[in-house]
Amino acid sequence: MPNLQFDMLNSQRRNSMAPSDATRHPGEGHAGEALVGEAHEPPVKRCSECSGTDKPSVSVIMPAFNEEGNLASSVESVRKALGQLRDFEVIIIDDCSHDATGRVADRLAQEDRRIVVVHNPRNMGLGYNYRKGVELARHDYTLMIPGDNEIPARSIEAIADKMGEPDMIIPYMLNSHIRPAGRRIISWLFVRTMNVLFGLHLRYFNGPCAIRSQALKTVPIDTNGFAYMAASLVRLMKRGHSYVQVGIWLQEREFGRSKALRPKNVASVAKTVLSLVLETRLGSAVAMKGAENNPC
């Protein structure tokens, strides 16, 4: 899973408790602390409680770069988890892989009409792939599931089970200890930094989030790097979109290694965060000036 944040082990013990089912809005306190019925917002209607016609449809964006050994298993996890839904599609984006990822993707699409494949002529980066997938998404929610097979079916099911009421389902990892210590430390620092900079209380920023497509298509996704999801969440939460956090489990990838901590990816994330800080601060200053010039 190409993420840049993983909770430290002591935080993981705390997060292993059952996550909140209460829909939250930005500014209502720590999401995940209130149980059902304790928040001011109504409890989330679980997807499993919906009738067949009420269940939302989902567009799954599945970027893949040199994932020939993991891609088919990733697609199978999606099929297994989302079979309960009214409809879903899988948008596989082969990011100019050097191995047989593209051929595997084409074979999967031939076997299942719900699968669409995009072949990038050159390597474009994770943020570009997500932006392209959002443009192509046709269903109620857009869900990001990388092609590295690190998100098992039960975790995808847990995310899908929350769809229906909140605009965003934001996962956090319950077993981050399977990650190397260095990645957990970077994750811990990144999450805390983002929460402080933007006044949020999220447990995780770059996980496999499910976001209502109509809302997601209104925010700019202007980075090709790994901070695309964090930037999207900040922008949507600043606009007041509702969210719920849900704990999920990771599984170790069977083939290959993560590319998240390559120097160019870290530099790209830092640049995106800086731009986001300037954007939000400038927006707040303009709004305050406007209020001063137009008093009630």
C-alpha atoms as a PDB file:
ATOM      1  CA  MET A   1       0.000   0.000   0.000  1.00  0.00           C
ATOM      2  CA  PRO A   2       1.682   3.224  -1.106  1.00  0.00           C
ATOM      3  CA  ASN A   3       1.100   5.363   1.984  1.00  0.00           C
ATOM      4  CA  LEU A   4       3.375   7.691   3.883  1.00  0.00           C
ATOM      5  CA  GLN A   5       1.964   7.333   7.379  1.00  0.00           C
ATOM      6  CA  PHE A   6       1.756   4.448   9.743  1.00  0.00           C
ATOM      7  CA  ASP A   7       0.860   4.841  13.434  1.00  0.00           C
ATOM      8  CA  MET A   8       3.505   4.025  16.013  1.00  0.00           C
ATOM      9  CA  LEU A   9       3.053   0.786  17.912  1.00  0.00           C
ATOM     10  CA  ASN A  10       1.827   2.425  21.100  1.00  0.00           C
ATOM     11  CA  SER A  11      -0.802   4.319  19.115  1.00  0.00           C
ATOM     12  CA  GLN A  12      -1.767   1.072  17.370  1.00  0.00           C
ATOM     13  CA  ARG A  13      -2.693  -0.535  20.667  1.00  0.00           C
ATOM     14  CA  ARG A  14      -5.084   2.316  21.360  1.00  0.00           C
ATOM     15  CA  ASN A  15      -6.519   2.181  17.850  1.00  0.00           C
ATOM     16  CA  SER A  16      -7.173  -1.558  18.039  1.00  0.00           C
ATOM     17  CA  MET A  17     -10.393  -0.746  19.883  1.00  0.00           C
ATOM     18  CA  ALA A  18     -13.607  -0.870  17.850  1.00  0.00           C
ATOM     19  CA  PRO A  19     -13.863   2.274  15.667  1.00  0.00           C
ATOM     20  CA  SER A  20     -16.704   4.714  15.887  1.00  0.00           C
ATOM     21  CA  ASP A  21     -19.830   4.274  13.801  1.00  0.00           C
ATOM     22  CA  ALA A  22     -20.870   7.919  14.290  1.00  0.00           C
ATOM     23  CA  THR A  23     -20.784  10.247  11.324  1.00  0.00           C
ATOM     24  CA  ARG A  24     -18.692  13.277  12.178  1.00  0.00           C
ATOM     25  CA  HIS A  25     -18.253  16.718  10.693  1.00  0.00           C
ATOM     26  CA  PRO A  26     -15.022  18.740  10.882  1.00  0.00           C
ATOM     27  CA  GLY A  27     -14.720  20.585  14.170  1.00  0.00           C
ATOM     28  CA  GLU A  28     -16.869  18.172  16.204  1.00  0.00           C
ATOM     29  CA  GLY A  29     -13.944  16.685  18.122  1.00  0.00           C
ATOM     30  CA  HIS A  30     -11.935  13.517  17.750  1.00  0.00           C
ATOM     31  CA  ALA A  31     -13.624  11.188  15.301  1.00  0.00           C
ATOM     32  CA  GLY A  32     -13.571   7.694  16.734  1.00  0.00           C
ATOM     33  CA  GLU A  33     -13.975   8.744  20.364  1.00  0.00           C
ATOM     34  CA  ALA A  34     -17.774   8.717  20.376  1.00  0.00           C
ATOM     35  CA  LEU A  35     -19.793   5.542  20.077  1.00  0.00           C
ATOM     36  CA  VAL A  36     -23.039   5.257  18.147  1.00  0.00           C
ATOM     37  CA  GLY A  37     -25.626   7.646  19.532  1.00  0.00           C
ATOM     38  CA  GLU A  38     -23.133   9.822  21.430  1.00  0.00           C
ATOM     39  CA  ALA A  39     -22.355  12.176  18.550  1.00  0.00           C
ATOM     40  CA  HIS A  40     -24.710  14.909  17.456  1.00  0.00           C
ATOM     41  CA  GLU A  41     -24.914  13.410  13.986  1.00  0.00           C
ATOM     42  CA  PRO A  42     -27.073  10.314  13.340  1.00  0.00           C
ATOM     43  CA  PRO A  43     -25.374   6.910  13.280  1.00  0.00           C
ATOM     44  CA  VAL A  44     -24.133   5.649   9.937  1.00  0.00           C
ATOM     45  CA  LYS A  45     -26.501   3.355   8.089  1.00  0.00           C
ATOM     46  CA  ARG A  46     -24.358   0.337   7.340  1.00  0.00           C
ATOM     47  CA  CYS A  47     -24.348  -0.885   3.770  1.00  0.00           C
ATOM     48  CA  SER A  48     -25.226  -4.384   4.987  1.00  0.00           C
ATOM     49  CA  GLU A  49     -28.489  -2.963   6.375  1.00  0.00           C
ATOM     50  CA  CYS A  50     -29.531  -1.524   3.001  1.00  0.00           C
ATOM     51  CA  SER A  51     -31.815  -3.238   0.549  1.00  0.00           C
ATOM     52  CA  GLY A  52     -30.410  -4.230  -2.833  1.00  0.00           C
ATOM     53  CA  THR A  53     -31.637  -1.054  -4.528  1.00  0.00           C
ATOM     54  CA  ASP A  54     -30.413   1.184  -1.666  1.00  0.00           C
ATOM     55  CA  LYS A  55     -26.827  -0.047  -1.654  1.00  0.00           C
ATOM     56  CA  PRO A  56     -24.448   2.508  -3.184  1.00  0.00           C
ATOM     57  CA  SER A  57     -22.412   1.731  -6.256  1.00  0.00           C
ATOM     58  CA  VAL A  58     -18.612   2.019  -6.193  1.00  0.00           C
ATOM     59  CA  SER A  59     -15.828   2.880  -8.604  1.00  0.00           C
ATOM     60  CA  VAL A  60     -12.572   1.290  -7.450  1.00  0.00           C
ATOM     61  CA  ILE A  61      -9.368   2.962  -8.630  1.00  0.00           C
ATOM     62  CA  MET A  62      -6.535   0.430  -8.700  1.00  0.00           C
ATOM     63  CA  PRO A  63      -3.143   1.883  -9.700  1.00  0.00           C
ATOM     64  CA  ALA A  64      -0.432  -0.657 -10.437  1.00  0.00           C
ATOM     65  CA  PHE A  65       3.264  -0.226 -11.152  1.00  0.00           C
ATOM     66  CA  ASN A  66       5.218  -3.474 -11.550  1.00  0.00           C
ATOM     67  CA  GLU A  67       2.562  -5.489  -9.704  1.00  0.00           C
ATOM     68  CA  GLU A  68       2.273  -8.531 -11.982  1.00  0.00           C
ATOM     69  CA  GLY A  69       2.369 -10.886  -8.991  1.00  0.00           C
ATOM     70  CA  ASN A  70      -0.159  -8.951  -6.885  1.00  0.00           C
ATOM     71  CA  LEU A  71      -2.703  -7.477  -9.296  1.00  0.00           C
ATOM     72  CA  ALA A  72      -4.967 -10.495  -9.854  1.00  0.00           C
ATOM     73  CA  SER A  73      -5.217 -11.121  -6.097  1.00  0.00           C
ATOM     74  CA  SER A  74      -6.072  -7.455  -5.510  1.00  0.00           C
ATOM     75  CA  VAL A  75      -8.918  -7.622  -8.017  1.00  0.00           C
ATOM     76  CA  GLU A  76     -10.195 -10.847  -6.494  1.00  0.00           C
ATOM     77  CA  SER A  77     -10.284  -9.203  -3.032  1.00  0.00           C
ATOM     78  CA  VAL A  78     -12.412  -6.395  -4.476  1.00  0.00           C
ATOM     79  CA  ARG A  79     -14.794  -8.842  -6.131  1.00  0.00           C
ATOM     80  CA  LYS A  80     -15.188 -10.817  -2.929  1.00  0.00           C
ATOM     81  CA  ALA A  81     -15.763  -7.737  -0.774  1.00  0.00           C
ATOM     82  CA  LEU A  82     -18.074  -5.755  -3.046  1.00  0.00           C
ATOM     83  CA  GLY A  83     -20.305  -8.526  -4.336  1.00  0.00           C
ATOM     84  CA  GLN A  84     -23.042  -7.301  -1.968  1.00  0.00           C
ATOM     85  CA  LEU A  85     -23.242  -3.889  -3.663  1.00  0.00           C
ATOM     86  CA  ARG A  86     -25.678  -2.796  -6.355  1.00  0.00           C
ATOM     87  CA  ASP A  87     -22.876  -2.246  -8.841  1.00  0.00           C
ATOM     88  CA  PHE A  88     -19.144  -1.595  -8.959  1.00  0.00           C
ATOM     89  CA  GLU A  89     -16.346  -1.126 -11.434  1.00  0.00           C
ATOM     90  CA  VAL A  90     -12.576  -1.539 -11.166  1.00  0.00           C
ATOM     91  CA  ILE A  91     -10.421   0.999 -12.992  1.00  0.00           C
ATOM     92  CA  ILE A  92      -6.927  -0.492 -13.274  1.00  0.00           C
ATOM     93  CA  ILE A  93      -4.271   2.047 -14.200  1.00  0.00           C
ATOM     94  CA  ASP A  94      -1.040   0.441 -15.379  1.00  0.00           C
ATOM     95  CA  ASP A  95       1.566   3.128 -14.727  1.00  0.00           C
ATOM     96  CA  CYS A  96       3.934   2.092 -17.546  1.00  0.00           C
ATOM     97  CA  SER A  97       5.063  -1.043 -15.717  1.00  0.00           C
ATOM     98  CA  HIS A  98       8.243  -2.803 -16.812  1.00  0.00           C
ATOM     99  CA  ASP A  99       6.870  -6.261 -16.081  1.00  0.00           C
ATOM    100  CA  ALA A 100       3.714  -8.113 -17.173  1.00  0.00           C
ATOM    101  CA  THR A 101       1.310  -5.933 -15.138  1.00  0.00           C
ATOM    102  CA  GLY A 102      -0.310  -4.532 -18.282  1.00  0.00           C
ATOM    103  CA  ARG A 103      -0.914  -7.983 -19.772  1.00  0.00           C
ATOM    104  CA  VAL A 104      -2.384  -9.241 -16.492  1.00  0.00           C
ATOM    105  CA  ALA A 105      -4.700  -6.219 -16.380  1.00  0.00           C
ATOM    106  CA  ASP A 106      -5.883  -6.781 -19.958  1.00  0.00           C
ATOM    107  CA  ARG A 107      -6.591 -10.451 -19.231  1.00  0.00           C
ATOM    108  CA  LEU A 108      -8.629  -9.524 -16.159  1.00  0.00           C
ATOM    109  CA  ALA A 109     -10.645  -7.010 -18.198  1.00  0.00           C
ATOM    110  CA  GLN A 110     -11.406  -9.641 -20.831  1.00  0.00           C
ATOM    111  CA  GLU A 111     -12.751 -11.923 -18.108  1.00  0.00           C
ATOM    112  CA  ASP A 112     -14.902  -9.297 -16.344  1.00  0.00           C
ATOM    113  CA  ARG A 113     -16.804  -6.478 -18.071  1.00  0.00           C
ATOM    114  CA  ARG A 114     -16.709  -4.438 -14.824  1.00  0.00           C
ATOM    115  CA  ILE A 115     -12.953  -3.949 -15.220  1.00  0.00           C
ATOM    116  CA  VAL A 116     -11.536  -1.047 -17.233  1.00  0.00           C
ATOM    117  CA  VAL A 117      -7.819  -0.724 -17.988  1.00  0.00           C
ATOM    118  CA  VAL A 118      -5.809   2.421 -18.664  1.00  0.00           C
ATOM    119  CA  HIS A 119      -2.197   2.104 -19.870  1.00  0.00           C
ATOM    120  CA  ASN A 120      -0.036   5.160 -19.206  1.00  0.00           C
ATOM    121  CA  PRO A 121       2.526   5.752 -21.984  1.00  0.00           C
ATOM    122  CA  ARG A 122       5.044   6.731 -19.304  1.00  0.00           C
ATOM    123  CA  ASN A 123       5.264   6.542 -15.527  1.00  0.00           C
ATOM    124  CA  MET A 124       3.063   9.336 -14.182  1.00  0.00           C
ATOM    125  CA  GLY A 125       2.913   8.807 -10.417  1.00  0.00           C
ATOM    126  CA  LEU A 126       0.260   7.829  -7.927  1.00  0.00           C
ATOM    127  CA  GLY A 127      -1.462  11.224  -7.736  1.00  0.00           C
ATOM    128  CA  TYR A 128      -1.887  11.351 -11.507  1.00  0.00           C
ATOM    129  CA  ASN A 129      -3.334   7.836 -11.519  1.00  0.00           C
ATOM    130  CA  TYR A 130      -5.829   8.760  -8.811  1.00  0.00           C
ATOM    131  CA  ARG A 131      -6.850  11.923 -10.671  1.00  0.00           C
ATOM    132  CA  LYS A 132      -7.347   9.922 -13.881  1.00  0.00           C
ATOM    133  CA  GLY A 133      -9.425   7.348 -12.021  1.00  0.00           C
ATOM    134  CA  VAL A 134     -11.604  10.053 -10.473  1.00  0.00           C
ATOM    135  CA  GLU A 135     -12.261  11.487 -13.941  1.00  0.00           C
ATOM    136  CA  LEU A 136     -13.400   8.061 -15.171  1.00  0.00           C
ATOM    137  CA  ALA A 137     -15.397   7.077 -12.055  1.00  0.00           C
ATOM    138  CA  ARG A 138     -19.116   6.581 -12.817  1.00  0.00           C
ATOM    139  CA  HIS A 139     -20.548   5.405  -9.498  1.00  0.00           C
ATOM    140  CA  ASP A 140     -21.729   6.824  -6.163  1.00  0.00           C
ATOM    141  CA  TYR A 141     -18.460   6.387  -4.258  1.00  0.00           C
ATOM    142  CA  THR A 142     -14.855   6.332  -5.414  1.00  0.00           C
ATOM    143  CA  LEU A 143     -12.626   3.912  -3.509  1.00  0.00           C
ATOM    144  CA  MET A 144      -8.841   3.717  -3.793  1.00  0.00           C
ATOM    145  CA  ILE A 145      -7.425   0.171  -3.590  1.00  0.00           C
ATOM    146  CA  PRO A 146      -3.807  -0.200  -4.791  1.00  0.00           C
ATOM    147  CA  GLY A 147      -2.845  -3.196  -6.885  1.00  0.00           C
ATOM    148  CA  ASP A 148      -0.247  -4.426  -4.382  1.00  0.00           C
ATOM    149  CA  ASN A 149      -2.701  -6.764  -2.573  1.00  0.00           C
ATOM    150  CA  GLU A 150      -2.062  -5.202   0.849  1.00  0.00           C
ATOM    151  CA  ILE A 151      -5.760  -4.506   1.502  1.00  0.00           C
ATOM    152  CA  PRO A 152      -7.556  -7.819   2.169  1.00  0.00           C
ATOM    153  CA  ALA A 153     -11.187  -8.448   1.328  1.00  0.00           C
ATOM    154  CA  ARG A 154     -12.344  -8.117   4.947  1.00  0.00           C
ATOM    155  CA  SER A 155     -10.892  -4.588   5.117  1.00  0.00           C
ATOM    156  CA  ILE A 156     -12.533  -3.550   1.843  1.00  0.00           C
ATOM    157  CA  GLU A 157     -15.778  -4.963   3.224  1.00  0.00           C
ATOM    158  CA  ALA A 158     -15.395  -2.902   6.413  1.00  0.00           C
ATOM    159  CA  ILE A 159     -15.028   0.255   4.326  1.00  0.00           C
ATOM    160  CA  ALA A 160     -17.965  -0.596   2.069  1.00  0.00           C
ATOM    161  CA  ASP A 161     -20.119  -1.345   5.106  1.00  0.00           C
ATOM    162  CA  LYS A 162     -19.980   2.342   6.102  1.00  0.00           C
ATOM    163  CA  MET A 163     -21.032   3.696   2.717  1.00  0.00           C
ATOM    164  CA  GLY A 164     -24.407   5.349   2.422  1.00  0.00           C
ATOM    165  CA  GLU A 165     -24.516   8.326   4.784  1.00  0.00           C
ATOM    166  CA  PRO A 166     -21.095   9.962   5.270  1.00  0.00           C
ATOM    167  CA  ASP A 167     -19.352  11.691   2.391  1.00  0.00           C
ATOM    168  CA  MET A 168     -16.024  10.110   3.307  1.00  0.00           C
ATOM    169  CA  ILE A 169     -14.984   6.810   4.867  1.00  0.00           C
ATOM    170  CA  ILE A 170     -11.432   7.296   6.156  1.00  0.00           C
ATOM    171  CA  PRO A 171      -9.601   4.111   7.217  1.00  0.00           C
ATOM    172  CA  TYR A 172      -6.788   3.783   9.731  1.00  0.00           C
ATOM    173  CA  MET A 173      -4.572   0.760  10.273  1.00  0.00           C
ATOM    174  CA  LEU A 174      -5.128  -1.617  13.179  1.00  0.00           C
ATOM    175  CA  ASN A 175      -1.938  -3.624  12.656  1.00  0.00           C
ATOM    176  CA  SER A 176       0.623  -1.040  11.580  1.00  0.00           C
ATOM    177  CA  HIS A 177       3.246  -3.026  13.493  1.00  0.00           C
ATOM    178  CA  ILE A 178       3.706  -5.210  10.385  1.00  0.00           C
ATOM    179  CA  ARG A 179       5.434  -2.209   8.820  1.00  0.00           C
ATOM    180  CA  PRO A 180       9.129  -1.446   9.341  1.00  0.00           C
ATOM    181  CA  ALA A 181       9.873   0.817  12.303  1.00  0.00           C
ATOM    182  CA  GLY A 182      11.141   3.616  10.070  1.00  0.00           C
ATOM    183  CA  ARG A 183       7.878   3.827   8.166  1.00  0.00           C
ATOM    184  CA  ARG A 184       5.864   3.805  11.377  1.00  0.00           C
ATOM    185  CA  ILE A 185       7.879   6.718  12.739  1.00  0.00           C
ATOM    186  CA  ILE A 186       7.457   8.726   9.528  1.00  0.00           C
ATOM    187  CA  SER A 187       3.757   7.932   9.604  1.00  0.00           C
ATOM    188  CA  TRP A 188       3.408   9.056  13.199  1.00  0.00           C
ATOM    189  CA  LEU A 189       5.157  12.329  12.455  1.00  0.00           C
ATOM    190  CA  PHE A 190       3.175  12.952   9.282  1.00  0.00           C
ATOM    191  CA  VAL A 191      -0.216  12.352  10.893  1.00  0.00           C
ATOM    192  CA  ARG A 192       0.575  14.595  13.871  1.00  0.00           C
ATOM    193  CA  THR A 193       1.977  17.318  11.628  1.00  0.00           C
ATOM    194  CA  MET A 194      -1.064  17.303   9.339  1.00  0.00           C
ATOM    195  CA  ASN A 195      -3.481  17.415  12.272  1.00  0.00           C
ATOM    196  CA  VAL A 196      -1.654  20.369  13.833  1.00  0.00           C
ATOM    197  CA  LEU A 197      -1.290  22.292  10.575  1.00  0.00           C
ATOM    198  CA  PHE A 198      -4.918  21.945   9.548  1.00  0.00           C
ATOM    199  CA  GLY A 199      -6.732  21.646  12.879  1.00  0.00           C
ATOM    200  CA  LEU A 200      -7.928  18.087  12.252  1.00  0.00           C
ATOM    201  CA  HIS A 201      -8.158  14.921  14.337  1.00  0.00           C
ATOM    202  CA  LEU A 202      -7.610  12.108  11.862  1.00  0.00           C
ATOM    203  CA  ARG A 203      -5.787   8.896  12.717  1.00  0.00           C
ATOM    204  CA  TYR A 204      -4.558   8.356   9.155  1.00  0.00           C
ATOM    205  CA  PHE A 205      -4.477  10.408   5.964  1.00  0.00           C
ATOM    206  CA  ASN A 206      -3.329   8.336   2.997  1.00  0.00           C
ATOM    207  CA  GLY A 207      -5.283   5.126   3.390  1.00  0.00           C
ATOM    208  CA  PRO A 208      -7.763   3.479   0.993  1.00  0.00           C
ATOM    209  CA  CYS A 209     -10.481   6.092   1.445  1.00  0.00           C
ATOM    210  CA  ALA A 210     -13.944   5.893  -0.049  1.00  0.00           C
ATOM    211  CA  ILE A 211     -15.310   9.321  -1.008  1.00  0.00           C
ATOM    212  CA  ARG A 212     -18.618  10.318  -2.509  1.00  0.00           C
ATOM    213  CA  SER A 213     -17.780  10.820  -6.183  1.00  0.00           C
ATOM    214  CA  GLN A 214     -19.876  13.945  -6.624  1.00  0.00           C
ATOM    215  CA  ALA A 215     -17.920  15.696  -3.864  1.00  0.00           C
ATOM    216  CA  LEU A 216     -14.526  14.345  -4.910  1.00  0.00           C
ATOM    217  CA  LYS A 217     -14.893  15.615  -8.463  1.00  0.00           C
ATOM    218  CA  THR A 218     -15.201  19.203  -7.146  1.00  0.00           C
ATOM    219  CA  VAL A 219     -11.754  19.410  -5.512  1.00  0.00           C
ATOM    220  CA  PRO A 220      -8.476  19.860  -7.385  1.00  0.00           C
ATOM    221  CA  ILE A 221      -6.058  16.943  -7.343  1.00  0.00           C
ATOM    222  CA  ASP A 222      -2.957  18.851  -8.353  1.00  0.00           C
ATOM    223  CA  THR A 223      -0.130  16.550  -7.304  1.00  0.00           C
ATOM    224  CA  ASN A 224       1.224  13.475  -9.054  1.00  0.00           C
ATOM    225  CA  GLY A 225       2.875  12.328  -5.832  1.00  0.00           C
ATOM    226  CA  PHE A 226       1.870  10.354  -2.765  1.00  0.00           C
ATOM    227  CA  ALA A 227       0.090  13.164  -0.889  1.00  0.00           C
ATOM    228  CA  TYR A 228      -2.912  13.220  -3.225  1.00  0.00           C
ATOM    229  CA  MET A 229      -5.271  11.638  -0.671  1.00  0.00           C
ATOM    230  CA  ALA A 230      -4.162  13.782   2.266  1.00  0.00           C
ATOM    231  CA  ALA A 231      -4.670  16.929   0.164  1.00  0.00           C
ATOM    232  CA  SER A 232      -8.110  15.765  -0.995  1.00  0.00           C
ATOM    233  CA  LEU A 233      -9.231  15.006   2.565  1.00  0.00           C
ATOM    234  CA  VAL A 234      -8.076  18.391   3.880  1.00  0.00           C
ATOM    235  CA  ARG A 235      -9.879  20.256   1.101  1.00  0.00           C
ATOM    236  CA  LEU A 236     -13.094  18.289   1.532  1.00  0.00           C
ATOM    237  CA  MET A 237     -13.088  18.603   5.319  1.00  0.00           C
ATOM    238  CA  LYS A 238     -12.497  22.346   5.105  1.00  0.00           C
ATOM    239  CA  ARG A 239     -15.664  22.480   3.004  1.00  0.00           C
ATOM    240  CA  GLY A 240     -17.580  20.721   5.761  1.00  0.00           C
ATOM    241  CA  HIS A 241     -18.085  17.274   4.230  1.00  0.00           C
ATOM    242  CA  SER A 242     -19.011  14.552   6.724  1.00  0.00           C
ATOM    243  CA  TYR A 243     -16.781  11.599   7.484  1.00  0.00           C
ATOM    244  CA  VAL A 244     -16.391   8.487   9.567  1.00  0.00           C
ATOM    245  CA  GLN A 245     -13.179   6.679  10.460  1.00  0.00           C
ATOM    246  CA  VAL A 246     -12.933   2.905  10.372  1.00  0.00           C
ATOM    247  CA  GLY A 247     -10.191   0.546  11.505  1.00  0.00           C
ATOM    248  CA  ILE A 248      -8.910  -1.927   8.915  1.00  0.00           C
ATOM    249  CA  TRP A 249      -6.238  -4.609   8.721  1.00  0.00           C
ATOM    250  CA  LEU A 250      -3.309  -4.743   6.329  1.00  0.00           C
ATOM    251  CA  GLN A 251      -1.648  -7.841   4.956  1.00  0.00           C
ATOM    252  CA  GLU A 252       1.956  -8.068   3.867  1.00  0.00           C
ATOM    253  CA  ARG A 253       2.479  -7.836   0.144  1.00  0.00           C
ATOM    254  CA  GLU A 254       3.450 -11.122  -1.444  1.00  0.00           C
ATOM    255  CA  PHE A 255       5.648  -9.765  -4.214  1.00  0.00           C
ATOM    256  CA  GLY A 256       7.794  -6.646  -4.581  1.00  0.00           C
ATOM    257  CA  ARG A 257       8.507  -3.748  -2.233  1.00  0.00           C
ATOM    258  CA  SER A 258       6.776  -0.472  -1.459  1.00  0.00           C
ATOM    259  CA  LYS A 259       8.003   2.613  -3.293  1.00  0.00           C
ATOM    260  CA  ALA A 260       6.649   5.141  -0.788  1.00  0.00           C
ATOM    261  CA  LEU A 261       9.901   6.230   0.855  1.00  0.00           C
ATOM    262  CA  ARG A 262      11.932   6.973  -2.231  1.00  0.00           C
ATOM    263  CA  PRO A 263      13.543  10.431  -1.859  1.00  0.00           C
ATOM    264  CA  LYS A 264      11.627  11.971  -4.779  1.00  0.00           C
ATOM    265  CA  ASN A 265       8.330  10.789  -3.260  1.00  0.00           C
ATOM    266  CA  VAL A 266       9.161  12.277   0.148  1.00  0.00           C
ATOM    267  CA  ALA A 267      10.132  15.571  -1.500  1.00  0.00           C
ATOM    268  CA  SER A 268       6.880  15.602  -3.471  1.00  0.00           C
ATOM    269  CA  VAL A 269       4.850  15.117  -0.296  1.00  0.00           C
ATOM    270  CA  ALA A 270       6.650  17.986   1.447  1.00  0.00           C
ATOM    271  CA  LYS A 271       5.975  20.271  -1.518  1.00  0.00           C
ATOM    272  CA  THR A 272       2.275  19.338  -1.562  1.00  0.00           C
ATOM    273  CA  VAL A 273       1.863  19.953   2.173  1.00  0.00           C
ATOM    274  CA  LEU A 274       3.551  23.360   1.897  1.00  0.00           C
ATOM    275  CA  SER A 275       1.283  24.344  -1.000  1.00  0.00           C
ATOM    276  CA  LEU A 276      -1.750  23.189   0.966  1.00  0.00           C
ATOM    277  CA  VAL A 277      -0.725  25.284   3.970  1.00  0.00           C
ATOM    278  CA  LEU A 278      -0.386  28.363   1.774  1.00  0.00           C
ATOM    279  CA  GLU A 279      -3.712  27.620   0.095  1.00  0.00           C
ATOM    280  CA  THR A 280      -5.653  27.248   3.342  1.00  0.00           C
ATOM    281  CA  ARG A 281      -3.975  30.212   5.051  1.00  0.00           C
ATOM    282  CA  LEU A 282      -4.522  32.472   2.038  1.00  0.00           C
ATOM    283  CA  GLY A 283      -8.126  31.339   1.760  1.00  0.00           C
ATOM    284  CA  SER A 284      -8.733  32.124   5.430  1.00  0.00           C
ATOM    285  CA  ALA A 285      -7.123  35.550   5.083  1.00  0.00           C
ATOM    286  CA  VAL A 286      -9.257  36.396   2.048  1.00  0.00           C
ATOM    287  CA  ALA A 287     -12.416  35.263   3.850  1.00  0.00           C
ATOM    288  CA  MET A 288     -11.567  37.362   6.921  1.00  0.00           C
ATOM    289  CA  LYS A 289     -10.841  40.418   4.793  1.00  0.00           C
ATOM    290  CA  GLY A 290     -14.130  39.937   2.971  1.00  0.00           C
ATOM    291  CA  ALA A 291     -15.993  39.764   6.274  1.00  0.00           C
ATOM    292  CA  GLU A 292     -14.321  42.977   7.435  1.00  0.00           C
ATOM    293  CA  ASN A 293     -15.270  44.787   4.234  1.00  0.00           C
ATOM    294  CA  ASN A 294     -18.846  43.518   4.323  1.00  0.00           C
ATOM    295  CA  PRO A 295     -19.999  43.602   7.957  1.00  0.00           C
ATOM    296  CA  CYS A 296     -23.505  42.379   8.710  1.00  0.00           C
END
